[in-house]
Amino acid sequence: MSAAVKYTLGRVGLFVAVLAALWFVEMNMFLRLMVALISSAALSFFLLRNWRDEMAGEMAEASERRRAEKDRLRTALAGEDEPGAEPDAERRDG
């Protein structure tokens, strides 16, 4: 399972757990949802740190792979264009 899926499910699960804990507290439903959202965000900062770091590492690796692939493609395209195309100055001198 990817780190992004684990982290997302962890965040949703934490929100549901906090909302369940607040279910029996007398307050407006909108306020209860907002308190659960803010509390779960704060708790996830501490409780889900390892999954968040793992997800950030996977995202950085994917970004580096995309950058390397883009550089490889640019190099390949530049290499294909050079042999077939002669600059105007060389044609005039030769």
PDB file of N, CA and C in Angstrom:
ATOM      1  N   MET A   1       0.860  -1.172   0.000  1.00  0.00           N
ATOM      2  CA  MET A   1       0.000   0.000   0.000  1.00  0.00           C
ATOM      3  C   MET A   1       0.907   1.235   0.000  1.00  0.00           C
ATOM      4  N   SER A   2       0.578   2.196  -0.827  1.00  0.00           N
ATOM      5  CA  SER A   2       1.422   3.379  -0.915  1.00  0.00           C
ATOM      6  C   SER A   2       1.286   4.234   0.349  1.00  0.00           C
ATOM      7  N   ALA A   3       2.308   5.016   0.578  1.00  0.00           N
ATOM      8  CA  ALA A   3       2.328   5.861   1.772  1.00  0.00           C
ATOM      9  C   ALA A   3       1.231   6.916   1.716  1.00  0.00           C
ATOM     10  N   ALA A   4       0.905   7.395   0.521  1.00  0.00           N
ATOM     11  CA  ALA A   4      -0.148   8.411   0.398  1.00  0.00           C
ATOM     12  C   ALA A   4      -1.505   7.843   0.804  1.00  0.00           C
ATOM     13  N   VAL A   5      -1.769   6.600   0.428  1.00  0.00           N
ATOM     14  CA  VAL A   5      -3.035   5.964   0.795  1.00  0.00           C
ATOM     15  C   VAL A   5      -3.084   5.731   2.303  1.00  0.00           C
ATOM     16  N   LYS A   6      -1.984   5.251   2.870  1.00  0.00           N
ATOM     17  CA  LYS A   6      -1.941   5.028   4.324  1.00  0.00           C
ATOM     18  C   LYS A   6      -2.161   6.332   5.081  1.00  0.00           C
ATOM     19  N   TYR A   7      -1.489   7.387   4.651  1.00  0.00           N
ATOM     20  CA  TYR A   7      -1.619   8.675   5.333  1.00  0.00           C
ATOM     21  C   TYR A   7      -3.035   9.230   5.208  1.00  0.00           C
ATOM     22  N   THR A   8      -3.616   9.128   4.016  1.00  0.00           N
ATOM     23  CA  THR A   8      -4.979   9.630   3.811  1.00  0.00           C
ATOM     24  C   THR A   8      -5.978   8.851   4.652  1.00  0.00           C
ATOM     25  N   LEU A   9      -5.853   7.527   4.657  1.00  0.00           N
ATOM     26  CA  LEU A   9      -6.751   6.719   5.483  1.00  0.00           C
ATOM     27  C   LEU A   9      -6.541   6.998   6.970  1.00  0.00           C
ATOM     28  N   GLY A  10      -5.313   7.258   7.356  1.00  0.00           N
ATOM     29  CA  GLY A  10      -5.035   7.620   8.746  1.00  0.00           C
ATOM     30  C   GLY A  10      -5.689   8.929   9.134  1.00  0.00           C
ATOM     31  N   ARG A  11      -5.622   9.913   8.234  1.00  0.00           N
ATOM     32  CA  ARG A  11      -6.253  11.199   8.514  1.00  0.00           C
ATOM     33  C   ARG A  11      -7.765  11.063   8.626  1.00  0.00           C
ATOM     34  N   VAL A  12      -8.366  10.315   7.693  1.00  0.00           N
ATOM     35  CA  VAL A  12      -9.818  10.114   7.733  1.00  0.00           C
ATOM     36  C   VAL A  12     -10.212   9.342   8.983  1.00  0.00           C
ATOM     37  N   GLY A  13      -9.461   8.310   9.299  1.00  0.00           N
ATOM     38  CA  GLY A  13      -9.751   7.519  10.500  1.00  0.00           C
ATOM     39  C   GLY A  13      -9.641   8.334  11.771  1.00  0.00           C
ATOM     40  N   LEU A  14      -8.628   9.193  11.825  1.00  0.00           N
ATOM     41  CA  LEU A  14      -8.463  10.049  12.998  1.00  0.00           C
ATOM     42  C   LEU A  14      -9.621  11.035  13.118  1.00  0.00           C
ATOM     43  N   PHE A  15     -10.070  11.582  11.997  1.00  0.00           N
ATOM     44  CA  PHE A  15     -11.224  12.488  12.019  1.00  0.00           C
ATOM     45  C   PHE A  15     -12.472  11.769  12.527  1.00  0.00           C
ATOM     46  N   VAL A  16     -12.698  10.562  12.022  1.00  0.00           N
ATOM     47  CA  VAL A  16     -13.875   9.791  12.445  1.00  0.00           C
ATOM     48  C   VAL A  16     -13.790   9.459  13.935  1.00  0.00           C
ATOM     49  N   ALA A  17     -12.605   9.123  14.419  1.00  0.00           N
ATOM     50  CA  ALA A  17     -12.436   8.789  15.836  1.00  0.00           C
ATOM     51  C   ALA A  17     -12.723  10.008  16.718  1.00  0.00           C
ATOM     52  N   VAL A  18     -12.216  11.166  16.331  1.00  0.00           N
ATOM     53  CA  VAL A  18     -12.463  12.376  17.126  1.00  0.00           C
ATOM     54  C   VAL A  18     -13.936  12.755  17.058  1.00  0.00           C
ATOM     55  N   LEU A  19     -14.538  12.609  15.882  1.00  0.00           N
ATOM     56  CA  LEU A  19     -15.963  12.913  15.755  1.00  0.00           C
ATOM     57  C   LEU A  19     -16.794  11.964  16.610  1.00  0.00           C
ATOM     58  N   ALA A  20     -16.420  10.697  16.653  1.00  0.00           N
ATOM     59  CA  ALA A  20     -17.135   9.728  17.493  1.00  0.00           C
ATOM     60  C   ALA A  20     -16.984  10.084  18.967  1.00  0.00           C
ATOM     61  N   ALA A  21     -15.808  10.557  19.355  1.00  0.00           N
ATOM     62  CA  ALA A  21     -15.602  10.954  20.754  1.00  0.00           C
ATOM     63  C   ALA A  21     -16.441  12.175  21.115  1.00  0.00           C
ATOM     64  N   LEU A  22     -16.654  13.058  20.148  1.00  0.00           N
ATOM     65  CA  LEU A  22     -17.448  14.266  20.395  1.00  0.00           C
ATOM     66  C   LEU A  22     -18.945  14.064  20.178  1.00  0.00           C
ATOM     67  N   TRP A  23     -19.337  12.885  19.759  1.00  0.00           N
ATOM     68  CA  TRP A  23     -20.729  12.645  19.383  1.00  0.00           C
ATOM     69  C   TRP A  23     -21.707  12.910  20.533  1.00  0.00           C
ATOM     70  N   PHE A  24     -21.300  12.602  21.740  1.00  0.00           N
ATOM     71  CA  PHE A  24     -22.213  12.731  22.885  1.00  0.00           C
ATOM     72  C   PHE A  24     -22.079  14.072  23.597  1.00  0.00           C
ATOM     73  N   VAL A  25     -21.257  14.942  23.081  1.00  0.00           N
ATOM     74  CA  VAL A  25     -21.107  16.280  23.656  1.00  0.00           C
ATOM     75  C   VAL A  25     -22.210  17.164  23.084  1.00  0.00           C
ATOM     76  N   GLU A  26     -22.861  17.920  23.953  1.00  0.00           N
ATOM     77  CA  GLU A  26     -23.946  18.793  23.529  1.00  0.00           C
ATOM     78  C   GLU A  26     -23.383  20.044  22.850  1.00  0.00           C
ATOM     79  N   MET A  27     -23.501  20.072  21.518  1.00  0.00           N
ATOM     80  CA  MET A  27     -23.125  21.257  20.748  1.00  0.00           C
ATOM     81  C   MET A  27     -23.729  21.143  19.360  1.00  0.00           C
ATOM     82  N   ASN A  28     -23.720  22.221  18.648  1.00  0.00           N
ATOM     83  CA  ASN A  28     -24.233  22.274  17.287  1.00  0.00           C
ATOM     84  C   ASN A  28     -23.444  21.286  16.418  1.00  0.00           C
ATOM     85  N   MET A  29     -24.114  20.640  15.466  1.00  0.00           N
ATOM     86  CA  MET A  29     -23.453  19.648  14.609  1.00  0.00           C
ATOM     87  C   MET A  29     -22.324  20.277  13.798  1.00  0.00           C
ATOM     88  N   PHE A  30     -22.557  21.480  13.251  1.00  0.00           N
ATOM     89  CA  PHE A  30     -21.515  22.167  12.488  1.00  0.00           C
ATOM     90  C   PHE A  30     -20.295  22.448  13.363  1.00  0.00           C
ATOM     91  N   LEU A  31     -20.520  22.906  14.572  1.00  0.00           N
ATOM     92  CA  LEU A  31     -19.426  23.174  15.501  1.00  0.00           C
ATOM     93  C   LEU A  31     -18.698  21.883  15.857  1.00  0.00           C
ATOM     94  N   ARG A  32     -19.448  20.806  16.050  1.00  0.00           N
ATOM     95  CA  ARG A  32     -18.847  19.504  16.358  1.00  0.00           C
ATOM     96  C   ARG A  32     -17.944  19.050  15.211  1.00  0.00           C
ATOM     97  N   LEU A  33     -18.412  19.216  13.976  1.00  0.00           N
ATOM     98  CA  LEU A  33     -17.595  18.843  12.812  1.00  0.00           C
ATOM     99  C   LEU A  33     -16.338  19.698  12.716  1.00  0.00           C
ATOM    100  N   MET A  34     -16.467  20.991  12.971  1.00  0.00           N
ATOM    101  CA  MET A  34     -15.302  21.874  12.900  1.00  0.00           C
ATOM    102  C   MET A  34     -14.283  21.548  13.982  1.00  0.00           C
ATOM    103  N   VAL A  35     -14.747  21.276  15.192  1.00  0.00           N
ATOM    104  CA  VAL A  35     -13.839  20.900  16.283  1.00  0.00           C
ATOM    105  C   VAL A  35     -13.150  19.584  15.955  1.00  0.00           C
ATOM    106  N   ALA A  36     -13.890  18.635  15.405  1.00  0.00           N
ATOM    107  CA  ALA A  36     -13.298  17.351  15.024  1.00  0.00           C
ATOM    108  C   ALA A  36     -12.267  17.534  13.919  1.00  0.00           C
ATOM    109  N   LEU A  37     -12.548  18.387  12.964  1.00  0.00           N
ATOM    110  CA  LEU A  37     -11.617  18.632  11.867  1.00  0.00           C
ATOM    111  C   LEU A  37     -10.318  19.265  12.367  1.00  0.00           C
ATOM    112  N   ILE A  38     -10.438  20.287  13.178  1.00  0.00           N
ATOM    113  CA  ILE A  38      -9.248  20.980  13.689  1.00  0.00           C
ATOM    114  C   ILE A  38      -8.465  20.081  14.638  1.00  0.00           C
ATOM    115  N   SER A  39      -9.172  19.364  15.497  1.00  0.00           N
ATOM    116  CA  SER A  39      -8.489  18.472  16.447  1.00  0.00           C
ATOM    117  C   SER A  39      -7.778  17.331  15.733  1.00  0.00           C
ATOM    118  N   SER A  40      -8.420  16.751  14.747  1.00  0.00           N
ATOM    119  CA  SER A  40      -7.787  15.650  14.026  1.00  0.00           C
ATOM    120  C   SER A  40      -6.582  16.130  13.229  1.00  0.00           C
ATOM    121  N   ALA A  41      -6.636  17.351  12.705  1.00  0.00           N
ATOM    122  CA  ALA A  41      -5.481  17.908  11.995  1.00  0.00           C
ATOM    123  C   ALA A  41      -4.308  18.106  12.937  1.00  0.00           C
ATOM    124  N   ALA A  42      -4.584  18.616  14.124  1.00  0.00           N
ATOM    125  CA  ALA A  42      -3.514  18.822  15.102  1.00  0.00           C
ATOM    126  C   ALA A  42      -2.945  17.479  15.585  1.00  0.00           C
ATOM    127  N   LEU A  43      -3.814  16.531  15.832  1.00  0.00           N
ATOM    128  CA  LEU A  43      -3.342  15.217  16.285  1.00  0.00           C
ATOM    129  C   LEU A  43      -2.555  14.490  15.196  1.00  0.00           C
ATOM    130  N   SER A  44      -2.976  14.631  13.957  1.00  0.00           N
ATOM    131  CA  SER A  44      -2.275  13.947  12.877  1.00  0.00           C
ATOM    132  C   SER A  44      -0.869  14.497  12.691  1.00  0.00           C
ATOM    133  N   PHE A  45      -0.655  15.751  13.045  1.00  0.00           N
ATOM    134  CA  PHE A  45       0.683  16.332  12.948  1.00  0.00           C
ATOM    135  C   PHE A  45       1.664  15.550  13.813  1.00  0.00           C
ATOM    136  N   PHE A  46       1.209  15.063  14.946  1.00  0.00           N
ATOM    137  CA  PHE A  46       2.079  14.305  15.849  1.00  0.00           C
ATOM    138  C   PHE A  46       1.966  12.797  15.641  1.00  0.00           C
ATOM    139  N   LEU A  47       0.753  12.292  15.484  1.00  0.00           N
ATOM    140  CA  LEU A  47       0.549  10.845  15.445  1.00  0.00           C
ATOM    141  C   LEU A  47       0.906  10.208  14.106  1.00  0.00           C
ATOM    142  N   LEU A  48       0.783  10.949  13.027  1.00  0.00           N
ATOM    143  CA  LEU A  48       1.012  10.381  11.694  1.00  0.00           C
ATOM    144  C   LEU A  48       2.300  10.901  11.059  1.00  0.00           C
ATOM    145  N   ARG A  49       3.246  11.309  11.888  1.00  0.00           N
ATOM    146  CA  ARG A  49       4.492  11.894  11.389  1.00  0.00           C
ATOM    147  C   ARG A  49       5.265  10.926  10.499  1.00  0.00           C
ATOM    148  N   ASN A  50       5.374   9.666  10.903  1.00  0.00           N
ATOM    149  CA  ASN A  50       6.146   8.693  10.123  1.00  0.00           C
ATOM    150  C   ASN A  50       5.525   8.471   8.748  1.00  0.00           C
ATOM    151  N   TRP A  51       4.217   8.339   8.692  1.00  0.00           N
ATOM    152  CA  TRP A  51       3.544   8.132   7.405  1.00  0.00           C
ATOM    153  C   TRP A  51       3.671   9.371   6.518  1.00  0.00           C
ATOM    154  N   ARG A  52       3.606  10.557   7.134  1.00  0.00           N
ATOM    155  CA  ARG A  52       3.745  11.794   6.365  1.00  0.00           C
ATOM    156  C   ARG A  52       5.156  11.905   5.786  1.00  0.00           C
ATOM    157  N   ASP A  53       6.175  11.563   6.582  1.00  0.00           N
ATOM    158  CA  ASP A  53       7.549  11.600   6.091  1.00  0.00           C
ATOM    159  C   ASP A  53       7.770  10.570   4.988  1.00  0.00           C
ATOM    160  N   GLU A  54       7.170   9.392   5.149  1.00  0.00           N
ATOM    161  CA  GLU A  54       7.279   8.351   4.124  1.00  0.00           C
ATOM    162  C   GLU A  54       6.622   8.817   2.822  1.00  0.00           C
ATOM    163  N   MET A  55       5.466   9.451   2.930  1.00  0.00           N
ATOM    164  CA  MET A  55       4.771   9.957   1.756  1.00  0.00           C
ATOM    165  C   MET A  55       5.589  11.058   1.080  1.00  0.00           C
ATOM    166  N   ALA A  56       6.184  11.939   1.870  1.00  0.00           N
ATOM    167  CA  ALA A  56       7.004  13.007   1.300  1.00  0.00           C
ATOM    168  C   ALA A  56       8.218  12.426   0.580  1.00  0.00           C
ATOM    169  N   GLY A  57       8.805  11.374   1.125  1.00  0.00           N
ATOM    170  CA  GLY A  57       9.932  10.720   0.464  1.00  0.00           C
ATOM    171  C   GLY A  57       9.532  10.102  -0.860  1.00  0.00           C
ATOM    172  N   GLU A  58       8.376   9.443  -0.891  1.00  0.00           N
ATOM    173  CA  GLU A  58       7.891   8.859  -2.140  1.00  0.00           C
ATOM    174  C   GLU A  58       7.605   9.938  -3.181  1.00  0.00           C
ATOM    175  N   MET A  59       7.048  11.052  -2.742  1.00  0.00           N
ATOM    176  CA  MET A  59       6.764  12.143  -3.674  1.00  0.00           C
ATOM    177  C   MET A  59       8.056  12.748  -4.212  1.00  0.00           C
ATOM    178  N   ALA A  60       9.071  12.868  -3.371  1.00  0.00           N
ATOM    179  CA  ALA A  60      10.355  13.410  -3.816  1.00  0.00           C
ATOM    180  C   ALA A  60      11.019  12.468  -4.820  1.00  0.00           C
ATOM    181  N   GLU A  61      10.948  11.163  -4.563  1.00  0.00           N
ATOM    182  CA  GLU A  61      11.512  10.186  -5.498  1.00  0.00           C
ATOM    183  C   GLU A  61      10.792  10.236  -6.846  1.00  0.00           C
ATOM    184  N   ALA A  62       9.480  10.332  -6.815  1.00  0.00           N
ATOM    185  CA  ALA A  62       8.715  10.405  -8.059  1.00  0.00           C
ATOM    186  C   ALA A  62       9.053  11.679  -8.823  1.00  0.00           C
ATOM    187  N   SER A  63       9.217  12.770  -8.122  1.00  0.00           N
ATOM    188  CA  SER A  63       9.580  14.031  -8.767  1.00  0.00           C
ATOM    189  C   SER A  63      10.962  13.927  -9.403  1.00  0.00           C
ATOM    190  N   GLU A  64      11.892  13.303  -8.712  1.00  0.00           N
ATOM    191  CA  GLU A  64      13.247  13.138  -9.258  1.00  0.00           C
ATOM    192  C   GLU A  64      13.234  12.224 -10.482  1.00  0.00           C
ATOM    193  N   ARG A  65      12.429  11.161 -10.442  1.00  0.00           N
ATOM    194  CA  ARG A  65      12.312  10.278 -11.609  1.00  0.00           C
ATOM    195  C   ARG A  65      11.746  11.034 -12.806  1.00  0.00           C
ATOM    196  N   ARG A  66      10.708  11.859 -12.573  1.00  0.00           N
ATOM    197  CA  ARG A  66      10.129  12.643 -13.666  1.00  0.00           C
ATOM    198  C   ARG A  66      11.138  13.632 -14.229  1.00  0.00           C
ATOM    199  N   ARG A  67      11.901  14.266 -13.349  1.00  0.00           N
ATOM    200  CA  ARG A  67      12.906  15.224 -13.798  1.00  0.00           C
ATOM    201  C   ARG A  67      13.990  14.530 -14.616  1.00  0.00           C
ATOM    202  N   ALA A  68      14.450  13.368 -14.166  1.00  0.00           N
ATOM    203  CA  ALA A  68      15.469  12.623 -14.898  1.00  0.00           C
ATOM    204  C   ALA A  68      14.939  12.151 -16.246  1.00  0.00           C
ATOM    205  N   GLU A  69      13.696  11.698 -16.278  1.00  0.00           N
ATOM    206  CA  GLU A  69      13.099  11.257 -17.547  1.00  0.00           C
ATOM    207  C   GLU A  69      12.946  12.430 -18.507  1.00  0.00           C
ATOM    208  N   LYS A  70      12.547  13.582 -17.995  1.00  0.00           N
ATOM    209  CA  LYS A  70      12.415  14.769 -18.828  1.00  0.00           C
ATOM    210  C   LYS A  70      13.774  15.180 -19.403  1.00  0.00           C
ATOM    211  N   ASP A  71      14.827  15.150 -18.573  1.00  0.00           N
ATOM    212  CA  ASP A  71      16.168  15.478 -19.051  1.00  0.00           C
ATOM    213  C   ASP A  71      16.638  14.478 -20.098  1.00  0.00           C
ATOM    214  N   ARG A  72      16.346  13.200 -19.884  1.00  0.00           N
ATOM    215  CA  ARG A  72      16.741  12.171 -20.844  1.00  0.00           C
ATOM    216  C   ARG A  72      16.043  12.387 -22.177  1.00  0.00           C
ATOM    217  N   LEU A  73      14.755  12.706 -22.132  1.00  0.00           N
ATOM    218  CA  LEU A  73      14.019  12.952 -23.372  1.00  0.00           C
ATOM    219  C   LEU A  73      14.517  14.204 -24.092  1.00  0.00           C
ATOM    220  N   ARG A  74      14.808  15.252 -23.337  1.00  0.00           N
ATOM    221  CA  ARG A  74      15.336  16.469 -23.961  1.00  0.00           C
ATOM    222  C   ARG A  74      16.680  16.197 -24.623  1.00  0.00           C
ATOM    223  N   THR A  75      17.529  15.419 -23.953  1.00  0.00           N
ATOM    224  CA  THR A  75      18.828  15.075 -24.519  1.00  0.00           C
ATOM    225  C   THR A  75      18.665  14.242 -25.781  1.00  0.00           C
ATOM    226  N   ALA A  76      17.756  13.291 -25.740  1.00  0.00           N
ATOM    227  CA  ALA A  76      17.523  12.449 -26.911  1.00  0.00           C
ATOM    228  C   ALA A  76      16.984  13.271 -28.072  1.00  0.00           C
ATOM    229  N   LEU A  77      16.075  14.178 -27.798  1.00  0.00           N
ATOM    230  CA  LEU A  77      15.534  15.022 -28.862  1.00  0.00           C
ATOM    231  C   LEU A  77      16.586  15.974 -29.411  1.00  0.00           C
ATOM    232  N   ALA A  78      17.402  16.513 -28.558  1.00  0.00           N
ATOM    233  CA  ALA A  78      18.472  17.404 -29.018  1.00  0.00           C
ATOM    234  C   ALA A  78      19.495  16.625 -29.834  1.00  0.00           C
ATOM    235  N   GLY A  79      19.765  15.402 -29.466  1.00  0.00           N
ATOM    236  CA  GLY A  79      20.720  14.567 -30.196  1.00  0.00           C
ATOM    237  C   GLY A  79      20.202  14.171 -31.557  1.00  0.00           C
ATOM    238  N   GLU A  80      18.921  13.969 -31.695  1.00  0.00           N
ATOM    239  CA  GLU A  80      18.343  13.598 -32.990  1.00  0.00           C
ATOM    240  C   GLU A  80      18.324  14.785 -33.937  1.00  0.00           C
ATOM    241  N   ASP A  81      18.182  15.986 -33.401  1.00  0.00           N
ATOM    242  CA  ASP A  81      18.102  17.171 -34.246  1.00  0.00           C
ATOM    243  C   ASP A  81      19.471  17.582 -34.781  1.00  0.00           C
ATOM    244  N   GLU A  82      20.548  17.371 -34.032  1.00  0.00           N
ATOM    245  CA  GLU A  82      21.867  17.855 -34.420  1.00  0.00           C
ATOM    246  C   GLU A  82      22.428  17.186 -35.674  1.00  0.00           C
ATOM    247  N   PRO A  83      22.433  15.843 -35.823  1.00  0.00           N
ATOM    248  CA  PRO A  83      23.074  15.259 -37.000  1.00  0.00           C
ATOM    249  C   PRO A  83      22.389  15.612 -38.313  1.00  0.00           C
ATOM    250  N   GLY A  84      21.092  15.712 -38.362  1.00  0.00           N
ATOM    251  CA  GLY A  84      20.378  15.954 -39.603  1.00  0.00           C
ATOM    252  C   GLY A  84      20.363  17.412 -40.019  1.00  0.00           C
ATOM    253  N   ALA A  85      20.516  18.321 -39.095  1.00  0.00           N
ATOM    254  CA  ALA A  85      20.408  19.743 -39.402  1.00  0.00           C
ATOM    255  C   ALA A  85      21.789  20.366 -39.409  1.00  0.00           C
ATOM    256  N   GLU A  86      22.132  20.956 -40.528  1.00  0.00           N
ATOM    257  CA  GLU A  86      23.419  21.650 -40.621  1.00  0.00           C
ATOM    258  C   GLU A  86      23.182  23.137 -40.451  1.00  0.00           C
ATOM    259  N   PRO A  87      24.032  23.780 -39.656  1.00  0.00           N
ATOM    260  CA  PRO A  87      23.879  25.235 -39.498  1.00  0.00           C
ATOM    261  C   PRO A  87      24.152  25.952 -40.805  1.00  0.00           C
ATOM    262  N   ASP A  88      23.544  27.106 -41.012  1.00  0.00           N
ATOM    263  CA  ASP A  88      23.702  27.885 -42.245  1.00  0.00           C
ATOM    264  C   ASP A  88      25.139  28.296 -42.483  1.00  0.00           C
ATOM    265  N   ALA A  89      25.876  28.596 -41.427  1.00  0.00           N
ATOM    266  CA  ALA A  89      27.256  29.053 -41.586  1.00  0.00           C
ATOM    267  C   ALA A  89      28.135  27.955 -42.168  1.00  0.00           C
ATOM    268  N   GLU A  90      27.928  26.705 -41.774  1.00  0.00           N
ATOM    269  CA  GLU A  90      28.749  25.609 -42.285  1.00  0.00           C
ATOM    270  C   GLU A  90      28.454  25.376 -43.760  1.00  0.00           C
ATOM    271  N   ARG A  91      27.210  25.508 -44.185  1.00  0.00           N
ATOM    272  CA  ARG A  91      26.863  25.296 -45.584  1.00  0.00           C
ATOM    273  C   ARG A  91      27.471  26.375 -46.481  1.00  0.00           C
ATOM    274  N   ARG A  92      27.521  27.589 -45.991  1.00  0.00           N
ATOM    275  CA  ARG A  92      28.076  28.701 -46.781  1.00  0.00           C
ATOM    276  C   ARG A  92      29.601  28.587 -46.890  1.00  0.00           C
ATOM    277  N   ASP A  93      30.239  28.163 -45.739  1.00  0.00           N
ATOM    278  CA  ASP A  93      31.704  28.054 -45.759  1.00  0.00           C
ATOM    279  C   ASP A  93      32.163  26.870 -46.574  1.00  0.00           C
ATOM    280  N   GLY A  94      31.400  25.756 -46.573  1.00  0.00           N
ATOM    281  CA  GLY A  94      31.828  24.520 -47.216  1.00  0.00           C
ATOM    282  C   GLY A  94      31.515  24.470 -48.605  1.00  0.00           C
TER     283      GLY A  94
END
